[in-house]
Amino acid sequence: KRTAKKPGRPVFNTMLGRISSGEANGVLSWLPDRLSRNSIDSGRIIYMLDEHILLDLKFPHFWFENTPQGKYMLANEFNSSKQYVDNLSMNTKRGLREKVRRGEMPGVAPIGYYNDPKTKTAKVDRKTAPIIRQAFELYAKGDQRLDQIADFLYANGIQTRSGKVRGKKTTGKKPYHKNRIKRMLANPFYYGHFCYLGEIHEGKHNGIVSKRLFDQVQIVLE
């Protein structure tokens, strides 16, 4: 259940600890990259082989013998796995940066929008967008609390699915917590921009509220 990309897997560490205590002296694995794709765990395995704490590794699709040549091949396999992960991470980040440059926010669109799987962009939800706009207009007046905005949204069908609300376990749908309402009212996505890695970017999606209304809401939030 834990990725081999990072050290610190509890079950993996327990396994190596049991081997170090003498309970076993070998490991069965599908491929070397299932054991490790990071330099720390790779080094631990090879060190245990050097010290004869770990005597053997068995793979269905990879040849290994506990010899200098075998450990050299194993180290190369570990390095190749790590390089693959590093390249994948770099390409993913590059893809996200390119998406941001196009004005598209990575991730799930907030309430009032939906993610269009065909265009892979955020589209305005005609059913919920007017309700969100009314929530902004109500709060901008300055005489509404966040809990009251949550109740307004709840009365208009925008509510939690189920689970925990305000720190308590619940059954059925309930109003959103006031902290979620506050995040919603402070989200620049609603006037056509979005926040990514702490910076505001201009989006290509349509805003639900005007920048003027959004700014009025921020003053009331302060």
Protein backbone atom coordinates (compact mmCIF):
# COMPACT_ATOMS: atom_id res chain seq x y z
CA LYS A 1 0.00 0.00 0.00
CA ARG A 2 3.05 2.27 0.25
CA THR A 3 5.11 3.45 -2.71
CA ALA A 4 8.71 2.29 -3.01
CA LYS A 5 9.57 5.79 -4.24
CA LYS A 6 10.13 7.00 -0.67
CA PRO A 7 11.85 5.37 2.33
CA GLY A 8 9.96 4.77 5.55
CA ARG A 9 7.49 2.01 4.55
CA PRO A 10 6.47 0.40 7.88
CA VAL A 11 5.91 -3.14 6.58
CA PHE A 12 9.08 -3.05 4.48
CA ASN A 13 11.11 -1.85 7.47
CA THR A 14 9.58 -4.56 9.65
CA MET A 15 10.56 -7.17 7.07
CA LEU A 16 14.19 -6.01 7.02
CA GLY A 17 14.19 -5.92 10.82
CA ARG A 18 13.00 -9.53 11.00
CA ILE A 19 15.71 -10.54 8.54
CA SER A 20 18.33 -8.70 10.63
CA SER A 21 17.17 -10.60 13.73
CA GLY A 22 17.78 -13.91 11.94
CA GLU A 23 14.16 -14.90 11.35
CA ALA A 24 14.76 -15.24 7.60
CA ASN A 25 17.59 -14.74 5.11
CA GLY A 26 15.88 -14.18 1.77
CA VAL A 27 13.22 -12.10 0.01
CA LEU A 28 10.74 -13.03 -2.70
CA SER A 29 9.67 -10.13 -4.91
CA TRP A 30 8.00 -9.57 -8.27
CA LEU A 31 10.74 -7.22 -9.51
CA PRO A 32 13.55 -5.17 -7.88
CA ASP A 33 11.51 -1.96 -8.29
CA ARG A 34 8.91 -3.43 -5.91
CA LEU A 35 11.60 -3.50 -3.23
CA SER A 36 12.98 -0.03 -3.80
CA ARG A 37 12.88 2.99 -6.06
CA ASN A 38 14.84 5.23 -3.71
CA SER A 39 18.54 5.37 -2.91
CA ILE A 40 18.18 4.76 0.87
CA ASP A 41 16.28 1.45 0.72
CA SER A 42 18.38 0.30 -2.24
CA GLY A 43 21.56 0.95 -0.24
CA ARG A 44 20.16 -0.91 2.79
CA ILE A 45 19.40 -4.01 0.73
CA ILE A 46 22.82 -4.08 -0.94
CA TYR A 47 24.55 -3.47 2.42
CA MET A 48 22.64 -6.39 3.98
CA LEU A 49 23.79 -8.55 1.06
CA ASP A 50 27.40 -7.38 1.60
CA GLU A 51 27.21 -8.28 5.30
CA HIS A 52 25.55 -11.66 4.56
CA ILE A 53 22.56 -10.66 6.70
CA LEU A 54 20.46 -11.08 3.57
CA LEU A 55 21.64 -14.10 1.60
CA ASP A 56 19.33 -14.26 -1.39
CA LEU A 57 16.70 -12.47 -3.47
CA LYS A 58 14.32 -14.28 -5.83
CA PHE A 59 12.42 -12.66 -8.72
CA PRO A 60 10.24 -14.36 -11.39
CA HIS A 61 11.49 -12.04 -14.13
CA PHE A 62 14.95 -10.90 -13.00
CA TRP A 63 18.08 -12.97 -12.53
CA PHE A 64 20.06 -12.44 -9.33
CA GLU A 65 22.91 -14.16 -7.50
CA ASN A 66 24.65 -12.84 -4.40
CA THR A 67 27.94 -12.25 -6.19
CA PRO A 68 29.80 -9.04 -7.09
CA GLN A 69 28.35 -9.28 -10.62
CA GLY A 70 24.86 -10.00 -9.28
CA LYS A 71 24.94 -7.03 -6.88
CA TYR A 72 26.23 -4.81 -9.67
CA MET A 73 23.26 -5.81 -11.86
CA LEU A 74 20.88 -5.30 -8.92
CA ALA A 75 22.28 -1.83 -8.23
CA ASN A 76 21.82 -0.92 -11.91
CA GLU A 77 18.22 -2.12 -11.77
CA PHE A 78 17.60 -0.02 -8.65
CA ASN A 79 19.17 3.02 -10.34
CA SER A 80 17.08 2.52 -13.48
CA SER A 81 13.92 2.32 -11.37
CA LYS A 82 14.83 5.53 -9.53
CA GLN A 83 15.63 7.31 -12.80
CA TYR A 84 12.25 6.28 -14.20
CA VAL A 85 10.47 7.70 -11.13
CA ASP A 86 12.51 10.92 -11.26
CA ASN A 87 11.77 11.41 -14.96
CA LEU A 88 8.09 10.68 -14.43
CA SER A 89 7.93 13.26 -11.62
CA MET A 90 9.73 15.86 -13.74
CA ASN A 91 7.45 15.26 -16.73
CA THR A 92 4.35 15.42 -14.52
CA LYS A 93 5.44 18.76 -13.04
CA ARG A 94 6.25 20.06 -16.50
CA GLY A 95 2.79 19.03 -17.69
CA LEU A 96 1.18 20.82 -14.74
CA ARG A 97 3.19 23.98 -15.40
CA GLU A 98 2.12 23.90 -19.04
CA LYS A 99 -1.51 23.50 -17.97
CA VAL A 100 -1.18 26.52 -15.67
CA ARG A 101 0.34 28.58 -18.52
CA ARG A 102 -2.72 27.73 -20.61
CA GLY A 103 -4.92 29.12 -17.84
CA GLU A 104 -6.17 25.74 -16.61
CA MET A 105 -6.12 24.94 -12.89
CA PRO A 106 -4.84 21.44 -12.10
CA GLY A 107 -7.25 19.52 -9.92
CA VAL A 108 -10.97 19.33 -9.27
CA ALA A 109 -13.14 22.34 -10.06
CA PRO A 110 -14.92 23.93 -7.05
CA ILE A 111 -18.67 23.98 -6.38
CA GLY A 112 -20.45 25.87 -9.15
CA TYR A 113 -18.28 24.26 -11.83
CA TYR A 114 -17.66 20.79 -13.20
CA ASN A 115 -14.70 19.19 -14.94
CA ASP A 116 -15.53 18.50 -18.58
CA PRO A 117 -13.85 15.16 -19.46
CA LYS A 118 -13.93 15.95 -23.19
CA THR A 119 -12.20 19.33 -23.11
CA LYS A 120 -10.48 18.69 -19.75
CA THR A 121 -11.45 22.17 -18.63
CA ALA A 122 -13.72 23.61 -15.93
CA LYS A 123 -17.21 24.56 -17.12
CA VAL A 124 -19.85 26.58 -15.30
CA ASP A 125 -22.57 24.42 -13.75
CA ARG A 126 -25.79 26.19 -14.76
CA LYS A 127 -27.68 24.61 -11.85
CA THR A 128 -25.39 25.54 -8.95
CA ALA A 129 -23.58 28.63 -10.30
CA PRO A 130 -26.51 31.04 -9.70
CA ILE A 131 -26.80 29.78 -6.11
CA ILE A 132 -23.08 30.38 -5.52
CA ARG A 133 -23.43 33.89 -6.96
CA GLN A 134 -26.33 34.60 -4.59
CA ALA A 135 -24.20 33.39 -1.67
CA PHE A 136 -21.50 35.92 -2.60
CA GLU A 137 -24.11 38.68 -2.93
CA LEU A 138 -25.64 37.84 0.46
CA TYR A 139 -22.32 37.83 2.25
CA ALA A 140 -21.18 41.06 0.57
CA LYS A 141 -24.00 42.91 2.36
CA GLY A 142 -22.13 42.43 5.63
CA ASP A 143 -25.05 41.25 7.76
CA GLN A 144 -24.65 37.49 7.20
CA ARG A 145 -22.51 35.04 9.16
CA LEU A 146 -20.70 32.14 7.52
CA ASP A 147 -23.08 29.69 9.18
CA GLN A 148 -26.00 31.54 7.64
CA ILE A 149 -24.43 31.26 4.18
CA ALA A 150 -23.98 27.53 4.82
CA ASP A 151 -27.67 27.28 5.73
CA PHE A 152 -28.63 29.21 2.58
CA LEU A 153 -26.61 26.81 0.41
CA TYR A 154 -28.09 23.83 2.26
CA ALA A 155 -31.61 25.08 1.64
CA ASN A 156 -30.78 25.30 -2.07
CA GLY A 157 -29.36 21.79 -2.34
CA ILE A 158 -25.64 22.50 -1.88
CA GLN A 159 -24.71 20.38 1.11
CA THR A 160 -22.36 17.70 2.37
CA ARG A 161 -22.70 14.21 0.96
CA SER A 162 -22.31 12.43 4.31
CA GLY A 163 -19.70 11.72 6.97
CA LYS A 164 -18.27 14.30 9.38
CA VAL A 165 -19.63 17.82 9.75
CA ARG A 166 -18.20 20.29 12.24
CA GLY A 167 -16.12 17.56 13.85
CA LYS A 168 -19.04 15.20 14.48
CA LYS A 169 -20.08 12.01 12.74
CA THR A 170 -23.37 12.42 10.95
CA THR A 171 -25.72 10.50 8.74
CA GLY A 172 -27.29 12.09 5.71
CA LYS A 173 -26.57 15.51 4.25
CA LYS A 174 -25.76 18.56 6.37
CA PRO A 175 -24.75 22.20 5.82
CA TYR A 176 -21.09 22.85 5.01
CA HIS A 177 -18.75 23.81 7.85
CA LYS A 178 -18.14 27.55 8.10
CA ASN A 179 -14.42 27.02 7.34
CA ARG A 180 -15.34 25.51 3.98
CA ILE A 181 -17.67 28.44 3.29
CA LYS A 182 -14.83 30.83 4.11
CA ARG A 183 -12.48 29.03 1.68
CA MET A 184 -15.19 29.15 -0.98
CA LEU A 185 -15.75 32.89 -0.57
CA ALA A 186 -11.99 33.53 -0.72
CA ASN A 187 -11.39 31.36 -3.80
CA PRO A 188 -10.29 33.52 -6.80
CA PHE A 189 -11.54 30.79 -9.12
CA TYR A 190 -14.99 32.34 -8.89
CA TYR A 191 -13.94 35.55 -10.65
CA GLY A 192 -11.92 33.81 -13.37
CA HIS A 193 -8.50 33.33 -11.75
CA PHE A 194 -6.99 30.50 -9.70
CA CYS A 195 -4.30 29.93 -7.10
CA TYR A 196 -1.48 27.46 -7.83
CA LEU A 197 1.57 26.98 -5.60
CA GLY A 198 0.78 30.19 -3.74
CA GLU A 199 0.48 32.36 -6.87
CA ILE A 200 -2.61 33.78 -8.59
CA HIS A 201 -2.96 32.98 -12.31
CA GLU A 202 -5.48 34.16 -14.86
CA GLY A 203 -7.77 31.32 -15.87
CA LYS A 204 -9.44 30.57 -19.18
CA HIS A 205 -12.69 29.57 -17.43
CA ASN A 206 -15.63 31.93 -17.04
CA GLY A 207 -16.10 33.63 -13.70
CA ILE A 208 -19.31 33.22 -11.73
CA VAL A 209 -18.95 36.55 -9.90
CA SER A 210 -17.39 39.85 -10.86
CA LYS A 211 -14.02 40.95 -9.49
CA ARG A 212 -15.80 43.87 -7.80
CA LEU A 213 -18.20 41.57 -5.94
CA PHE A 214 -15.35 39.26 -4.98
CA ASP A 215 -13.36 42.18 -3.54
CA GLN A 216 -16.40 43.31 -1.54
CA VAL A 217 -16.68 39.83 -0.04
CA GLN A 218 -12.97 39.87 0.90
CA ILE A 219 -13.49 43.13 2.82
CA VAL A 220 -16.35 41.57 4.79
CA LEU A 221 -14.25 38.45 5.44
CA GLU A 222 -11.50 40.64 6.89
